[in-house]
């Protein structure tokens, strides 16, 4: 009977070791899964923050590009030159039309010169 007790003890020990190993392995897998899940959540939060930062930076870059274009046009005077060109062209047409109208209505004017000598022979001499 002692043989059966030893065999049952060894079998019980083997079963106990197997169950302990399975339990240890299960706990390790659960801990690994929890760490992976926490890491994934942290990376998602970091990704969301980076997305927000990128959106903010993109808006700032667009605003700076707009301001840069405005400043460049002020420095080079592009807008002023374009406005001046339109104004000059408009007023030139108006001035030319006014001159054409004046040329048609103006007659040659004779100027009188005063007499070089006495105007009449009747005066005292």
N, C-alpha and C. Protein backbone atom coordinates (compact mmCIF):
# COMPACT_ATOMS: atom_id res chain seq x y z
N UNK A 1 0.77 -1.17 0.00
CA UNK A 1 0.00 0.00 0.00
C UNK A 1 0.84 1.27 0.00
N UNK A 2 1.96 1.07 0.54
CA UNK A 2 2.87 2.19 0.58
C UNK A 2 3.22 2.63 -0.84
N UNK A 3 3.26 1.72 -1.74
CA UNK A 3 3.55 2.03 -3.13
C UNK A 3 2.46 2.93 -3.70
N UNK A 4 1.20 2.61 -3.37
CA UNK A 4 0.09 3.44 -3.86
C UNK A 4 0.10 4.81 -3.23
N UNK A 5 0.45 4.92 -2.02
CA UNK A 5 0.54 6.23 -1.37
C UNK A 5 1.62 7.10 -2.00
N UNK A 6 2.73 6.48 -2.29
CA UNK A 6 3.81 7.22 -2.92
C UNK A 6 3.41 7.63 -4.32
N UNK A 7 2.80 6.71 -5.05
CA UNK A 7 2.37 7.02 -6.42
C UNK A 7 1.31 8.12 -6.41
N UNK A 8 0.36 8.03 -5.47
CA UNK A 8 -0.67 9.06 -5.39
C UNK A 8 -0.07 10.40 -4.95
N UNK A 9 0.90 10.37 -4.09
CA UNK A 9 1.57 11.60 -3.66
C UNK A 9 2.30 12.25 -4.83
N UNK A 10 3.00 11.41 -5.60
CA UNK A 10 3.73 11.93 -6.77
C UNK A 10 2.73 12.46 -7.79
N UNK A 11 1.65 11.72 -8.03
CA UNK A 11 0.63 12.17 -8.98
C UNK A 11 -0.02 13.46 -8.49
N UNK A 12 -0.33 13.54 -7.21
CA UNK A 12 -0.92 14.75 -6.64
C UNK A 12 0.04 15.92 -6.74
N UNK A 13 1.33 15.63 -6.49
CA UNK A 13 2.34 16.68 -6.61
C UNK A 13 2.44 17.16 -8.05
N UNK A 14 2.42 16.24 -9.00
CA UNK A 14 2.51 16.59 -10.43
C UNK A 14 1.28 17.41 -10.84
N UNK A 15 0.12 16.97 -10.39
CA UNK A 15 -1.11 17.71 -10.72
C UNK A 15 -1.07 19.09 -10.07
N UNK A 16 -0.63 19.16 -8.84
CA UNK A 16 -0.52 20.44 -8.15
C UNK A 16 0.46 21.38 -8.84
N UNK A 17 1.61 20.82 -9.27
CA UNK A 17 2.60 21.63 -10.00
C UNK A 17 2.03 22.09 -11.34
N UNK A 18 1.28 21.20 -11.99
CA UNK A 18 0.66 21.58 -13.29
C UNK A 18 -0.34 22.70 -13.10
N UNK A 19 -1.16 22.59 -12.08
CA UNK A 19 -2.16 23.62 -11.81
C UNK A 19 -1.48 24.93 -11.41
N UNK A 20 -0.42 24.82 -10.62
CA UNK A 20 0.31 26.03 -10.22
C UNK A 20 0.93 26.71 -11.43
N UNK A 21 1.49 25.86 -12.36
CA UNK A 21 2.08 26.43 -13.57
C UNK A 21 1.02 27.10 -14.43
N UNK A 22 -0.13 26.44 -14.57
CA UNK A 22 -1.22 27.02 -15.37
C UNK A 22 -1.70 28.32 -14.73
N UNK A 23 -1.83 28.31 -13.43
CA UNK A 23 -2.27 29.52 -12.71
C UNK A 23 -1.24 30.65 -12.89
N UNK A 24 0.05 30.30 -12.73
CA UNK A 24 1.11 31.29 -12.91
C UNK A 24 1.09 31.84 -14.34
N UNK A 25 0.97 30.95 -15.28
CA UNK A 25 0.95 31.37 -16.70
C UNK A 25 -0.28 32.26 -16.96
N UNK A 26 -1.42 31.93 -16.42
CA UNK A 26 -2.63 32.72 -16.58
C UNK A 26 -2.47 34.11 -15.98
N UNK A 27 -1.92 34.18 -14.80
CA UNK A 27 -1.69 35.49 -14.16
C UNK A 27 -0.70 36.33 -14.97
N UNK A 28 0.33 35.68 -15.46
CA UNK A 28 1.32 36.39 -16.28
C UNK A 28 0.67 36.93 -17.55
N UNK A 29 -0.14 36.10 -18.20
CA UNK A 29 -0.83 36.54 -19.42
C UNK A 29 -1.80 37.68 -19.11
N UNK A 30 -2.52 37.58 -18.01
CA UNK A 30 -3.45 38.65 -17.63
C UNK A 30 -2.70 39.95 -17.34
N UNK A 31 -1.56 39.84 -16.66
CA UNK A 31 -0.76 41.04 -16.35
C UNK A 31 -0.21 41.65 -17.65
N UNK A 32 0.25 40.80 -18.56
CA UNK A 32 0.75 41.30 -19.84
C UNK A 32 -0.37 41.99 -20.62
N UNK A 33 -1.56 41.39 -20.63
CA UNK A 33 -2.69 41.99 -21.34
C UNK A 33 -3.06 43.33 -20.73
N UNK A 34 -3.04 43.40 -19.39
CA UNK A 34 -3.35 44.67 -18.73
C UNK A 34 -2.31 45.75 -19.08
N UNK A 35 -1.03 45.38 -19.09
CA UNK A 35 0.02 46.34 -19.44
C UNK A 35 -0.12 46.81 -20.89
N UNK A 36 -0.41 45.87 -21.80
CA UNK A 36 -0.61 46.23 -23.20
C UNK A 36 -1.80 47.18 -23.36
N UNK A 37 -2.88 46.89 -22.65
CA UNK A 37 -4.07 47.74 -22.72
C UNK A 37 -3.77 49.15 -22.20
N UNK A 38 -3.08 49.22 -21.05
CA UNK A 38 -2.73 50.54 -20.50
C UNK A 38 -1.79 51.29 -21.44
N UNK A 39 -0.84 50.57 -22.03
CA UNK A 39 0.08 51.19 -22.96
C UNK A 39 -0.66 51.70 -24.20
N UNK A 40 -1.61 50.92 -24.71
CA UNK A 40 -2.39 51.33 -25.88
C UNK A 40 -3.22 52.58 -25.56
N UNK A 41 -3.82 52.62 -24.37
CA UNK A 41 -4.60 53.79 -23.97
C UNK A 41 -3.71 55.03 -23.86
N UNK A 42 -2.52 54.85 -23.29
CA UNK A 42 -1.59 55.98 -23.16
C UNK A 42 -1.15 56.48 -24.54
N UNK A 43 -0.86 55.55 -25.45
CA UNK A 43 -0.46 55.94 -26.81
C UNK A 43 -1.60 56.63 -27.55
N UNK A 44 -2.84 56.17 -27.32
CA UNK A 44 -3.99 56.82 -27.96
C UNK A 44 -4.13 58.25 -27.44
N UNK A 45 -4.00 58.43 -26.13
CA UNK A 45 -4.10 59.77 -25.55
C UNK A 45 -2.97 60.67 -26.11
N UNK A 46 -1.78 60.11 -26.23
CA UNK A 46 -0.64 60.87 -26.77
C UNK A 46 -0.91 61.24 -28.23
N UNK A 47 -1.45 60.29 -28.99
CA UNK A 47 -1.79 60.55 -30.39
C UNK A 47 -2.83 61.66 -30.52
N UNK A 48 -3.83 61.64 -29.64
CA UNK A 48 -4.87 62.68 -29.67
C UNK A 48 -4.27 64.05 -29.37
N UNK A 49 -3.36 64.09 -28.37
CA UNK A 49 -2.70 65.37 -28.05
C UNK A 49 -1.86 65.85 -29.23
N UNK A 50 -1.14 64.94 -29.87
CA UNK A 50 -0.32 65.33 -31.02
C UNK A 50 -1.18 65.81 -32.18
N UNK A 51 -2.33 65.17 -32.39
CA UNK A 51 -3.25 65.62 -33.44
C UNK A 51 -3.73 67.04 -33.18
N UNK A 52 -4.10 67.32 -31.93
CA UNK A 52 -4.53 68.67 -31.57
C UNK A 52 -3.41 69.68 -31.77
N UNK A 53 -2.20 69.30 -31.40
CA UNK A 53 -1.05 70.19 -31.57
C UNK A 53 -0.79 70.44 -33.05
N UNK A 54 -0.90 69.41 -33.87
CA UNK A 54 -0.69 69.57 -35.31
C UNK A 54 -1.74 70.50 -35.91
N UNK A 55 -3.01 70.34 -35.48
CA UNK A 55 -4.06 71.23 -35.97
C UNK A 55 -3.77 72.68 -35.60
N UNK A 56 -3.35 72.90 -34.35
CA UNK A 56 -3.02 74.26 -33.90
C UNK A 56 -1.85 74.83 -34.70
N UNK A 57 -0.82 74.02 -34.89
CA UNK A 57 0.35 74.49 -35.64
C UNK A 57 0.00 74.78 -37.10
N UNK A 58 -0.85 73.95 -37.68
CA UNK A 58 -1.27 74.17 -39.07
C UNK A 58 -2.02 75.49 -39.19
N UNK A 59 -2.92 75.75 -38.24
CA UNK A 59 -3.66 77.02 -38.27
C UNK A 59 -2.71 78.20 -38.09
N UNK A 60 -1.73 78.07 -37.21
CA UNK A 60 -0.78 79.15 -36.99
C UNK A 60 0.06 79.40 -38.23
N UNK A 61 0.49 78.32 -38.91
CA UNK A 61 1.29 78.46 -40.13
C UNK A 61 0.48 79.15 -41.21
N UNK A 62 -0.79 78.77 -41.36
CA UNK A 62 -1.64 79.42 -42.36
C UNK A 62 -1.80 80.90 -42.06
N UNK A 63 -2.01 81.24 -40.78
CA UNK A 63 -2.14 82.64 -40.38
C UNK A 63 -0.84 83.40 -40.65
N UNK A 64 0.30 82.78 -40.34
CA UNK A 64 1.59 83.43 -40.59
C UNK A 64 1.84 83.62 -42.08
N UNK A 65 1.44 82.64 -42.90
CA UNK A 65 1.61 82.79 -44.34
C UNK A 65 0.76 83.94 -44.87
N UNK A 66 -0.46 84.07 -44.35
CA UNK A 66 -1.32 85.18 -44.76
C UNK A 66 -0.70 86.52 -44.37
N UNK A 67 -0.23 86.60 -43.13
CA UNK A 67 0.40 87.84 -42.67
C UNK A 67 1.67 88.12 -43.46
N UNK A 68 2.43 87.08 -43.78
CA UNK A 68 3.65 87.26 -44.56
C UNK A 68 3.33 87.81 -45.95
N UNK A 69 2.29 87.29 -46.57
CA UNK A 69 1.88 87.80 -47.88
C UNK A 69 1.47 89.26 -47.80
N UNK A 70 0.73 89.61 -46.74
CA UNK A 70 0.33 91.00 -46.56
C UNK A 70 1.54 91.89 -46.36
N UNK A 71 2.46 91.46 -45.50
CA UNK A 71 3.66 92.26 -45.26
C UNK A 71 4.51 92.37 -46.51
N UNK A 72 4.61 91.28 -47.26
CA UNK A 72 5.39 91.32 -48.50
C UNK A 72 4.78 92.31 -49.49
N UNK A 73 3.45 92.31 -49.58
CA UNK A 73 2.80 93.26 -50.50
C UNK A 73 2.98 94.69 -50.02
N UNK A 74 3.01 94.89 -48.70
CA UNK A 74 3.26 96.24 -48.19
C UNK A 74 4.68 96.70 -48.48
N UNK A 75 5.63 95.79 -48.30
CA UNK A 75 7.03 96.15 -48.52
C UNK A 75 7.30 96.41 -49.99
N UNK A 76 6.80 95.57 -50.85
CA UNK A 76 7.06 95.75 -52.27
C UNK A 76 6.11 96.76 -52.90
N UNK A 77 5.05 97.07 -52.23
CA UNK A 77 4.10 98.04 -52.75
C UNK A 77 3.28 97.50 -53.90
N UNK A 78 3.15 96.19 -54.00
CA UNK A 78 2.40 95.61 -55.11
C UNK A 78 0.98 96.14 -55.17
N UNK A 79 0.30 96.12 -54.06
CA UNK A 79 -1.09 96.56 -54.05
C UNK A 79 -1.18 98.04 -54.39
N UNK A 80 -0.28 98.84 -53.84
CA UNK A 80 -0.30 100.27 -54.11
C UNK A 80 -0.03 100.53 -55.59
N UNK A 81 0.91 99.78 -56.16
CA UNK A 81 1.22 99.95 -57.58
C UNK A 81 0.03 99.55 -58.44
N UNK A 82 -0.65 98.46 -58.07
CA UNK A 82 -1.83 98.04 -58.83
C UNK A 82 -2.94 99.08 -58.73
N UNK A 83 -3.17 99.60 -57.52
CA UNK A 83 -4.20 100.63 -57.34
C UNK A 83 -3.83 101.89 -58.12
N UNK A 84 -2.57 102.26 -58.08
CA UNK A 84 -2.11 103.45 -58.81
C UNK A 84 -2.28 103.24 -60.30
N UNK A 85 -1.98 102.06 -60.79
CA UNK A 85 -2.12 101.77 -62.21
C UNK A 85 -3.58 101.91 -62.65
N UNK A 86 -4.50 101.36 -61.85
CA UNK A 86 -5.92 101.47 -62.18
C UNK A 86 -6.35 102.93 -62.15
N UNK A 87 -5.93 103.66 -61.14
CA UNK A 87 -6.30 105.08 -61.02
C UNK A 87 -5.76 105.88 -62.19
N UNK A 88 -4.49 105.69 -62.52
CA UNK A 88 -3.89 106.43 -63.63
C UNK A 88 -4.59 106.11 -64.93
N UNK A 89 -4.86 104.84 -65.16
CA UNK A 89 -5.54 104.45 -66.40
C UNK A 89 -6.92 105.08 -66.48
N UNK A 90 -7.66 105.05 -65.40
CA UNK A 90 -9.00 105.63 -65.38
C UNK A 90 -8.96 107.13 -65.62
N UNK A 91 -8.11 107.84 -64.87
CA UNK A 91 -8.03 109.29 -65.02
C UNK A 91 -7.43 109.70 -66.36
N UNK A 92 -6.56 108.88 -66.91
CA UNK A 92 -5.99 109.19 -68.22
C UNK A 92 -7.09 109.15 -69.28
N UNK A 93 -7.93 108.14 -69.22
CA UNK A 93 -9.04 108.07 -70.17
C UNK A 93 -9.96 109.28 -70.02
N UNK A 94 -10.29 109.62 -68.76
CA UNK A 94 -11.16 110.76 -68.52
C UNK A 94 -10.51 112.06 -69.01
N UNK A 95 -9.22 112.22 -68.75
CA UNK A 95 -8.52 113.44 -69.17
C UNK A 95 -8.46 113.53 -70.69
N UNK A 96 -8.19 112.42 -71.35
CA UNK A 96 -8.13 112.42 -72.81
C UNK A 96 -9.50 112.72 -73.42
N UNK A 97 -10.55 112.19 -72.81
CA UNK A 97 -11.90 112.47 -73.29
C UNK A 97 -12.22 113.95 -73.10
N UNK A 98 -11.83 114.51 -71.96
CA UNK A 98 -12.07 115.94 -71.71
C UNK A 98 -11.28 116.80 -72.69
N UNK A 99 -10.04 116.44 -72.96
CA UNK A 99 -9.24 117.21 -73.93
C UNK A 99 -9.83 117.12 -75.33
N UNK A 100 -10.30 115.96 -75.71
CA UNK A 100 -10.93 115.82 -77.03
C UNK A 100 -12.16 116.69 -77.12
N UNK A 101 -12.94 116.74 -76.06
CA UNK A 101 -14.14 117.57 -76.05
C UNK A 101 -13.76 119.05 -76.13
N UNK A 102 -12.70 119.43 -75.45
CA UNK A 102 -12.26 120.84 -75.49
C UNK A 102 -11.72 121.22 -76.86
N UNK A 103 -11.02 120.36 -77.51
CA UNK A 103 -10.45 120.67 -78.83
C UNK A 103 -11.55 120.96 -79.84
N UNK A 104 -12.64 120.26 -79.73
CA UNK A 104 -13.73 120.48 -80.67
C UNK A 104 -14.45 121.79 -80.41
N UNK A 105 -14.49 122.30 -79.20
CA UNK A 105 -15.27 123.50 -78.90
C UNK A 105 -14.42 124.77 -78.86
N UNK A 106 -13.12 124.66 -78.89
CA UNK A 106 -12.26 125.85 -78.81
C UNK A 106 -11.98 126.36 -80.21
N UNK A 107 -12.15 127.73 -80.38
CA UNK A 107 -11.84 128.37 -81.66
C UNK A 107 -10.56 129.16 -81.50
N UNK A 108 -9.94 129.41 -82.59
CA UNK A 108 -8.72 130.21 -82.54
C UNK A 108 -9.09 131.61 -82.12
N UNK A 109 -8.37 132.16 -81.21
CA UNK A 109 -8.63 133.50 -80.69
C UNK A 109 -7.59 134.44 -81.26
N UNK A 110 -8.08 135.57 -81.84
CA UNK A 110 -7.14 136.57 -82.36
C UNK A 110 -6.83 137.54 -81.24
N UNK A 111 -5.62 137.90 -81.19
CA UNK A 111 -5.24 138.89 -80.19
C UNK A 111 -4.99 140.20 -80.90
N UNK A 112 -5.43 141.31 -80.31
CA UNK A 112 -5.23 142.63 -80.91
C UNK A 112 -4.01 143.27 -80.30
N UNK A 113 -3.28 143.87 -81.17
CA UNK A 113 -2.12 144.59 -80.68
C UNK A 113 -2.47 146.07 -80.71
N UNK A 114 -1.94 146.75 -79.81
CA UNK A 114 -2.17 148.19 -79.77
C UNK A 114 -1.49 148.87 -80.96
N UNK A 115 -1.92 150.08 -81.31
CA UNK A 115 -1.32 150.78 -82.48
C UNK A 115 0.13 151.12 -82.22
N UNK A 116 0.90 151.06 -83.29
CA UNK A 116 2.32 151.36 -83.17
C UNK A 116 2.56 152.85 -83.18
N UNK A 117 1.74 153.57 -83.89
CA UNK A 117 1.89 155.03 -83.95
C UNK A 117 0.59 155.67 -83.53
N UNK A 118 0.44 157.02 -83.86
CA UNK A 118 -0.82 157.69 -83.51
C UNK A 118 -1.98 157.04 -84.23
N UNK A 119 -3.07 156.88 -83.53
CA UNK A 119 -4.22 156.22 -84.09
C UNK A 119 -4.99 157.12 -85.02
N UNK A 120 -4.99 158.38 -84.77
CA UNK A 120 -5.76 159.26 -85.66
C UNK A 120 -4.92 160.51 -85.96
N UNK A 121 -5.31 161.19 -86.99
CA UNK A 121 -4.60 162.39 -87.38
C UNK A 121 -5.25 163.62 -86.79
N UNK A 122 -6.27 163.47 -86.03
CA UNK A 122 -7.01 164.62 -85.53
C UNK A 122 -6.48 165.12 -84.20
N UNK A 123 -5.65 164.57 -83.62
CA UNK A 123 -5.24 164.99 -82.30
C UNK A 123 -4.22 166.10 -82.33
N UNK A 124 -3.92 166.73 -81.19
CA UNK A 124 -2.94 167.80 -81.18
C UNK A 124 -1.58 167.26 -81.58
N UNK A 125 -0.93 168.05 -82.23
CA UNK A 125 0.38 167.62 -82.65
C UNK A 125 1.44 168.52 -82.13
